[in-house]
Amino acid sequence: MILYEGLFVKSNGDLRSMRFIRLSDIPKNILEAKTHGKKSKPNRGDLELVWDIDHKAFKYFNHKTRVGNLTSRALDSYMEYFE
């Protein structure tokens, strides 16, 4: 599993730093447990639906207003991000 970190400008003009895991990297059993009964579009244009590890919730990362590049690193342990 890969952890990404990036910075973008929110619609209100504030900078937002986010550490997240992409949906494609989340094990299927965890993804199904977290999305059971919920309906949301995975991506909306430049907005990518991701798992925000600090808020332990699905959030959108805005690639259109991204500041700089994303950084990434491999995670050895990840279960604590989904509890």
C-alpha atoms as a PDB file:
ATOM      1  CA  MET A   1       0.000   0.000   0.000  1.00  0.00           C
ATOM      2  CA  ILE A   2       1.254   3.483  -0.841  1.00  0.00           C
ATOM      3  CA  LEU A   3       0.760   6.630   1.224  1.00  0.00           C
ATOM      4  CA  TYR A   4       0.602   9.888  -0.740  1.00  0.00           C
ATOM      5  CA  GLU A   5       1.016  13.398   0.570  1.00  0.00           C
ATOM      6  CA  GLY A   6       0.140  16.595  -1.225  1.00  0.00           C
ATOM      7  CA  LEU A   7      -0.962  20.176  -0.906  1.00  0.00           C
ATOM      8  CA  PHE A   8      -3.803  21.870  -2.773  1.00  0.00           C
ATOM      9  CA  VAL A   9      -5.897  25.029  -2.655  1.00  0.00           C
ATOM     10  CA  LYS A  10      -9.453  24.507  -1.388  1.00  0.00           C
ATOM     11  CA  SER A  11     -12.418  26.235  -3.042  1.00  0.00           C
ATOM     12  CA  ASN A  12     -12.390  28.886  -0.276  1.00  0.00           C
ATOM     13  CA  GLY A  13      -8.732  29.718  -1.019  1.00  0.00           C
ATOM     14  CA  ASP A  14      -7.213  27.945   1.993  1.00  0.00           C
ATOM     15  CA  LEU A  15      -4.252  25.620   1.564  1.00  0.00           C
ATOM     16  CA  ARG A  16      -4.973  22.011   2.498  1.00  0.00           C
ATOM     17  CA  SER A  17      -2.310  19.412   3.194  1.00  0.00           C
ATOM     18  CA  MET A  18      -3.545  15.847   2.860  1.00  0.00           C
ATOM     19  CA  ARG A  19      -2.043  12.426   3.512  1.00  0.00           C
ATOM     20  CA  PHE A  20      -4.059   9.800   1.698  1.00  0.00           C
ATOM     21  CA  ILE A  21      -4.358   6.331   0.235  1.00  0.00           C
ATOM     22  CA  ARG A  22      -5.812   5.890  -3.243  1.00  0.00           C
ATOM     23  CA  LEU A  23      -8.900   3.693  -3.570  1.00  0.00           C
ATOM     24  CA  SER A  24      -7.046   1.375  -5.944  1.00  0.00           C
ATOM     25  CA  ASP A  25      -4.513   0.630  -3.164  1.00  0.00           C
ATOM     26  CA  ILE A  26      -7.061  -0.202  -0.461  1.00  0.00           C
ATOM     27  CA  PRO A  27      -7.648  -3.954  -0.005  1.00  0.00           C
ATOM     28  CA  LYS A  28     -11.071  -4.940  -1.345  1.00  0.00           C
ATOM     29  CA  ASN A  29     -12.416  -6.188   2.003  1.00  0.00           C
ATOM     30  CA  ILE A  30     -11.578  -2.887   3.740  1.00  0.00           C
ATOM     31  CA  LEU A  31     -12.959  -0.808   0.871  1.00  0.00           C
ATOM     32  CA  GLU A  32     -16.233  -2.751   0.879  1.00  0.00           C
ATOM     33  CA  ALA A  33     -16.572  -2.400   4.647  1.00  0.00           C
ATOM     34  CA  LYS A  34     -16.028   1.370   4.486  1.00  0.00           C
ATOM     35  CA  THR A  35     -18.353   1.955   1.510  1.00  0.00           C
ATOM     36  CA  HIS A  36     -21.234  -0.404   2.347  1.00  0.00           C
ATOM     37  CA  GLY A  37     -24.483   1.374   1.519  1.00  0.00           C
ATOM     38  CA  LYS A  38     -22.794   4.596   0.381  1.00  0.00           C
ATOM     39  CA  LYS A  39     -23.022   6.058  -3.086  1.00  0.00           C
ATOM     40  CA  SER A  40     -20.371   8.439  -4.353  1.00  0.00           C
ATOM     41  CA  LYS A  41     -18.579   9.034  -7.597  1.00  0.00           C
ATOM     42  CA  PRO A  42     -14.928   7.960  -7.264  1.00  0.00           C
ATOM     43  CA  ASN A  43     -13.667  10.857  -9.346  1.00  0.00           C
ATOM     44  CA  ARG A  44     -15.235  14.137 -10.379  1.00  0.00           C
ATOM     45  CA  GLY A  45     -12.987  15.740 -12.983  1.00  0.00           C
ATOM     46  CA  ASP A  46      -9.852  16.882 -11.202  1.00  0.00           C
ATOM     47  CA  LEU A  47     -11.204  15.717  -7.834  1.00  0.00           C
ATOM     48  CA  GLU A  48      -9.995  12.256  -6.824  1.00  0.00           C
ATOM     49  CA  LEU A  49     -11.841  10.386  -4.079  1.00  0.00           C
ATOM     50  CA  VAL A  50      -9.227   9.097  -1.607  1.00  0.00           C
ATOM     51  CA  TRP A  51      -8.980   7.818   1.973  1.00  0.00           C
ATOM     52  CA  ASP A  52      -7.705  10.701   4.148  1.00  0.00           C
ATOM     53  CA  ILE A  53      -5.649   8.968   6.845  1.00  0.00           C
ATOM     54  CA  ASP A  54      -5.745  11.899   9.259  1.00  0.00           C
ATOM     55  CA  HIS A  55      -9.542  12.210   9.214  1.00  0.00           C
ATOM     56  CA  LYS A  56     -10.098   8.459   8.642  1.00  0.00           C
ATOM     57  CA  ALA A  57     -12.702   9.297   6.040  1.00  0.00           C
ATOM     58  CA  PHE A  58     -13.187   9.574   2.295  1.00  0.00           C
ATOM     59  CA  LYS A  59     -12.254  13.011   0.988  1.00  0.00           C
ATOM     60  CA  TYR A  60     -11.549  14.552  -2.395  1.00  0.00           C
ATOM     61  CA  PHE A  61      -8.039  15.609  -3.388  1.00  0.00           C
ATOM     62  CA  ASN A  62      -8.096  18.477  -5.907  1.00  0.00           C
ATOM     63  CA  HIS A  63      -5.443  17.841  -8.562  1.00  0.00           C
ATOM     64  CA  LYS A  64      -6.366  20.994 -10.516  1.00  0.00           C
ATOM     65  CA  THR A  65      -5.255  23.253  -7.652  1.00  0.00           C
ATOM     66  CA  ARG A  66      -2.386  21.036  -6.433  1.00  0.00           C
ATOM     67  CA  VAL A  67       0.678  22.924  -5.230  1.00  0.00           C
ATOM     68  CA  GLY A  68       3.901  21.143  -6.177  1.00  0.00           C
ATOM     69  CA  ASN A  69       4.173  17.394  -6.608  1.00  0.00           C
ATOM     70  CA  LEU A  70       2.756  14.515  -4.634  1.00  0.00           C
ATOM     71  CA  THR A  71       5.191  12.564  -2.517  1.00  0.00           C
ATOM     72  CA  SER A  72       4.733   8.877  -1.803  1.00  0.00           C
ATOM     73  CA  ARG A  73       6.114   6.076   0.300  1.00  0.00           C
ATOM     74  CA  ALA A  74       5.297   2.426   0.828  1.00  0.00           C
ATOM     75  CA  LEU A  75       3.513   1.439   4.029  1.00  0.00           C
ATOM     76  CA  ASP A  76       4.446  -1.738   5.849  1.00  0.00           C
ATOM     77  CA  SER A  77       1.504  -1.509   8.230  1.00  0.00           C
ATOM     78  CA  TYR A  78      -1.767   0.171   7.371  1.00  0.00           C
ATOM     79  CA  MET A  79      -4.620  -1.207   9.496  1.00  0.00           C
ATOM     80  CA  GLU A  80      -4.413   1.676  12.004  1.00  0.00           C
ATOM     81  CA  TYR A  81      -5.498   4.073   9.225  1.00  0.00           C
ATOM     82  CA  PHE A  82      -8.833   2.288   8.812  1.00  0.00           C
ATOM     83  CA  GLU A  83      -9.888   1.748  12.454  1.00  0.00           C
END
